[in-house]
Amino acid sequence: MEKQLKITLVKSYIGRPEAQRKVLRGMGLGKVNRTVVLNDTPEIRGMIRKVVHLVAAVEVEGDGK
């Protein structure tokens, strides 16, 4: 089974730089407390690093449900 990441937006991106807003939108996070499950890839890990202060990420196995 492929590793996946469960990512939750825990802080608002109001007042944050546009680059961080674009990263969050690219991951599918538009509102606080929304959660998405994405494949664990180097690209997604890099996106998380850019906004680590706004999100909570947890590794999950399989389909993440």
N, C-alpha and C. Protein backbone atom coordinates (compact mmCIF):
# COMPACT_ATOMS: atom_id res chain seq x y z
N MET A 1 0.83 -1.19 0.00
CA MET A 1 0.00 0.00 0.00
C MET A 1 0.88 1.25 0.00
N GLU A 2 0.36 2.25 -0.65
CA GLU A 2 1.09 3.50 -0.77
C GLU A 2 0.86 4.40 0.44
N LYS A 3 1.93 5.06 0.89
CA LYS A 3 1.78 5.99 2.01
C LYS A 3 1.06 7.24 1.54
N GLN A 4 0.24 7.76 2.43
CA GLN A 4 -0.45 9.00 2.14
C GLN A 4 -0.35 9.93 3.33
N LEU A 5 -0.64 11.20 3.09
CA LEU A 5 -0.59 12.20 4.14
C LEU A 5 -1.98 12.81 4.33
N LYS A 6 -2.39 12.91 5.57
CA LYS A 6 -3.66 13.55 5.91
C LYS A 6 -3.30 14.96 6.38
N ILE A 7 -3.70 15.98 5.62
CA ILE A 7 -3.29 17.35 5.87
C ILE A 7 -4.52 18.17 6.24
N THR A 8 -4.44 18.88 7.36
CA THR A 8 -5.54 19.71 7.84
C THR A 8 -5.06 21.15 7.99
N LEU A 9 -5.85 22.08 7.48
CA LEU A 9 -5.56 23.50 7.66
C LEU A 9 -6.02 23.91 9.05
N VAL A 10 -5.08 24.29 9.91
CA VAL A 10 -5.42 24.60 11.30
C VAL A 10 -5.38 26.10 11.61
N LYS A 11 -4.76 26.90 10.73
CA LYS A 11 -4.73 28.34 10.92
C LYS A 11 -5.14 29.01 9.61
N SER A 12 -5.82 30.14 9.73
CA SER A 12 -6.27 30.88 8.56
C SER A 12 -5.08 31.43 7.77
N TYR A 13 -5.28 31.56 6.46
CA TYR A 13 -4.22 32.15 5.64
C TYR A 13 -4.48 33.63 5.35
N ILE A 14 -5.43 34.24 6.06
CA ILE A 14 -5.68 35.67 5.91
C ILE A 14 -4.42 36.43 6.35
N GLY A 15 -3.99 37.35 5.53
CA GLY A 15 -2.81 38.15 5.83
C GLY A 15 -1.49 37.48 5.49
N ARG A 16 -1.54 36.28 4.94
CA ARG A 16 -0.31 35.57 4.56
C ARG A 16 0.08 35.94 3.14
N PRO A 17 1.34 35.75 2.78
CA PRO A 17 1.79 36.05 1.41
C PRO A 17 1.06 35.21 0.37
N GLU A 18 0.93 35.78 -0.81
CA GLU A 18 0.20 35.11 -1.89
C GLU A 18 0.81 33.75 -2.23
N ALA A 19 2.13 33.61 -2.11
CA ALA A 19 2.78 32.34 -2.41
C ALA A 19 2.26 31.24 -1.49
N GLN A 20 2.07 31.56 -0.20
CA GLN A 20 1.54 30.56 0.74
C GLN A 20 0.09 30.25 0.44
N ARG A 21 -0.67 31.24 0.04
CA ARG A 21 -2.08 31.01 -0.33
C ARG A 21 -2.18 30.07 -1.53
N LYS A 22 -1.30 30.27 -2.49
CA LYS A 22 -1.30 29.42 -3.68
C LYS A 22 -0.95 27.98 -3.34
N VAL A 23 -0.01 27.79 -2.42
CA VAL A 23 0.36 26.44 -2.00
C VAL A 23 -0.84 25.75 -1.35
N LEU A 24 -1.53 26.45 -0.47
CA LEU A 24 -2.69 25.87 0.21
C LEU A 24 -3.80 25.54 -0.79
N ARG A 25 -4.06 26.45 -1.72
CA ARG A 25 -5.08 26.18 -2.73
C ARG A 25 -4.68 25.00 -3.61
N GLY A 26 -3.38 24.89 -3.90
CA GLY A 26 -2.87 23.79 -4.71
C GLY A 26 -3.07 22.43 -4.04
N MET A 27 -3.08 22.43 -2.71
CA MET A 27 -3.32 21.19 -1.96
C MET A 27 -4.80 20.95 -1.75
N GLY A 28 -5.64 21.92 -2.13
CA GLY A 28 -7.08 21.74 -1.97
C GLY A 28 -7.61 22.21 -0.63
N LEU A 29 -6.85 23.05 0.07
CA LEU A 29 -7.28 23.55 1.37
C LEU A 29 -7.75 24.99 1.22
N GLY A 30 -9.05 25.21 1.41
CA GLY A 30 -9.60 26.55 1.25
C GLY A 30 -10.15 27.14 2.52
N LYS A 31 -10.54 26.29 3.46
CA LYS A 31 -11.13 26.78 4.70
C LYS A 31 -10.47 26.10 5.89
N VAL A 32 -10.49 26.78 7.03
CA VAL A 32 -9.90 26.23 8.25
C VAL A 32 -10.64 24.95 8.64
N ASN A 33 -9.89 23.98 9.14
CA ASN A 33 -10.37 22.65 9.57
C ASN A 33 -10.75 21.74 8.41
N ARG A 34 -10.46 22.11 7.19
CA ARG A 34 -10.66 21.20 6.05
C ARG A 34 -9.48 20.23 6.02
N THR A 35 -9.77 18.99 5.66
CA THR A 35 -8.74 17.96 5.59
C THR A 35 -8.72 17.34 4.21
N VAL A 36 -7.53 17.10 3.70
CA VAL A 36 -7.35 16.41 2.43
C VAL A 36 -6.38 15.26 2.65
N VAL A 37 -6.51 14.21 1.85
CA VAL A 37 -5.58 13.09 1.88
C VAL A 37 -4.86 13.07 0.54
N LEU A 38 -3.54 13.23 0.59
CA LEU A 38 -2.73 13.29 -0.63
C LEU A 38 -1.63 12.24 -0.56
N ASN A 39 -1.17 11.80 -1.73
CA ASN A 39 -0.07 10.83 -1.79
C ASN A 39 1.19 11.46 -1.21
N ASP A 40 2.00 10.64 -0.57
CA ASP A 40 3.24 11.09 0.04
C ASP A 40 4.33 11.15 -1.03
N THR A 41 4.49 12.32 -1.63
CA THR A 41 5.51 12.52 -2.66
C THR A 41 6.44 13.65 -2.23
N PRO A 42 7.63 13.73 -2.82
CA PRO A 42 8.53 14.84 -2.48
C PRO A 42 7.91 16.21 -2.76
N GLU A 43 7.08 16.30 -3.79
CA GLU A 43 6.43 17.57 -4.12
C GLU A 43 5.47 18.01 -3.03
N ILE A 44 4.67 17.08 -2.54
CA ILE A 44 3.71 17.39 -1.47
C ILE A 44 4.46 17.71 -0.18
N ARG A 45 5.53 16.97 0.11
CA ARG A 45 6.34 17.26 1.30
C ARG A 45 6.91 18.68 1.24
N GLY A 46 7.34 19.11 0.06
CA GLY A 46 7.85 20.46 -0.11
C GLY A 46 6.78 21.51 0.10
N MET A 47 5.57 21.22 -0.39
CA MET A 47 4.45 22.15 -0.18
C MET A 47 4.14 22.28 1.30
N ILE A 48 4.17 21.17 2.02
CA ILE A 48 3.90 21.20 3.46
C ILE A 48 4.97 22.03 4.17
N ARG A 49 6.23 21.88 3.75
CA ARG A 49 7.30 22.65 4.39
C ARG A 49 7.10 24.15 4.24
N LYS A 50 6.51 24.57 3.11
CA LYS A 50 6.28 26.00 2.88
C LYS A 50 5.23 26.57 3.81
N VAL A 51 4.28 25.73 4.25
CA VAL A 51 3.17 26.23 5.08
C VAL A 51 3.02 25.42 6.37
N VAL A 52 4.13 24.91 6.89
CA VAL A 52 4.10 24.04 8.07
C VAL A 52 3.48 24.74 9.27
N HIS A 53 3.56 26.06 9.32
CA HIS A 53 3.01 26.82 10.44
C HIS A 53 1.49 26.98 10.35
N LEU A 54 0.89 26.56 9.23
CA LEU A 54 -0.55 26.70 9.03
C LEU A 54 -1.29 25.37 8.99
N VAL A 55 -0.57 24.26 8.83
CA VAL A 55 -1.22 22.96 8.65
C VAL A 55 -0.73 21.95 9.68
N ALA A 56 -1.50 20.88 9.79
CA ALA A 56 -1.09 19.70 10.57
C ALA A 56 -1.12 18.52 9.60
N ALA A 57 -0.02 17.78 9.56
CA ALA A 57 0.09 16.65 8.64
C ALA A 57 0.38 15.36 9.41
N VAL A 58 -0.33 14.29 9.01
CA VAL A 58 -0.17 12.99 9.65
C VAL A 58 -0.04 11.94 8.55
N GLU A 59 0.91 11.01 8.72
CA GLU A 59 1.05 9.92 7.76
C GLU A 59 -0.03 8.88 8.00
N VAL A 60 -0.64 8.39 6.94
CA VAL A 60 -1.63 7.32 7.03
C VAL A 60 -1.30 6.27 5.99
N GLU A 61 -1.73 5.05 6.25
CA GLU A 61 -1.49 3.95 5.30
C GLU A 61 -2.74 3.77 4.44
N GLY A 62 -2.53 3.31 3.21
CA GLY A 62 -3.66 2.96 2.36
C GLY A 62 -4.42 4.16 1.83
N ASP A 63 -5.75 4.02 1.80
CA ASP A 63 -6.57 5.06 1.18
C ASP A 63 -6.89 6.23 2.11
N GLY A 64 -6.49 6.17 3.37
CA GLY A 64 -6.65 7.28 4.28
C GLY A 64 -8.04 7.51 4.81
N LYS A 65 -8.93 6.51 4.60
CA LYS A 65 -10.32 6.67 5.07
C LYS A 65 -10.53 6.02 6.40
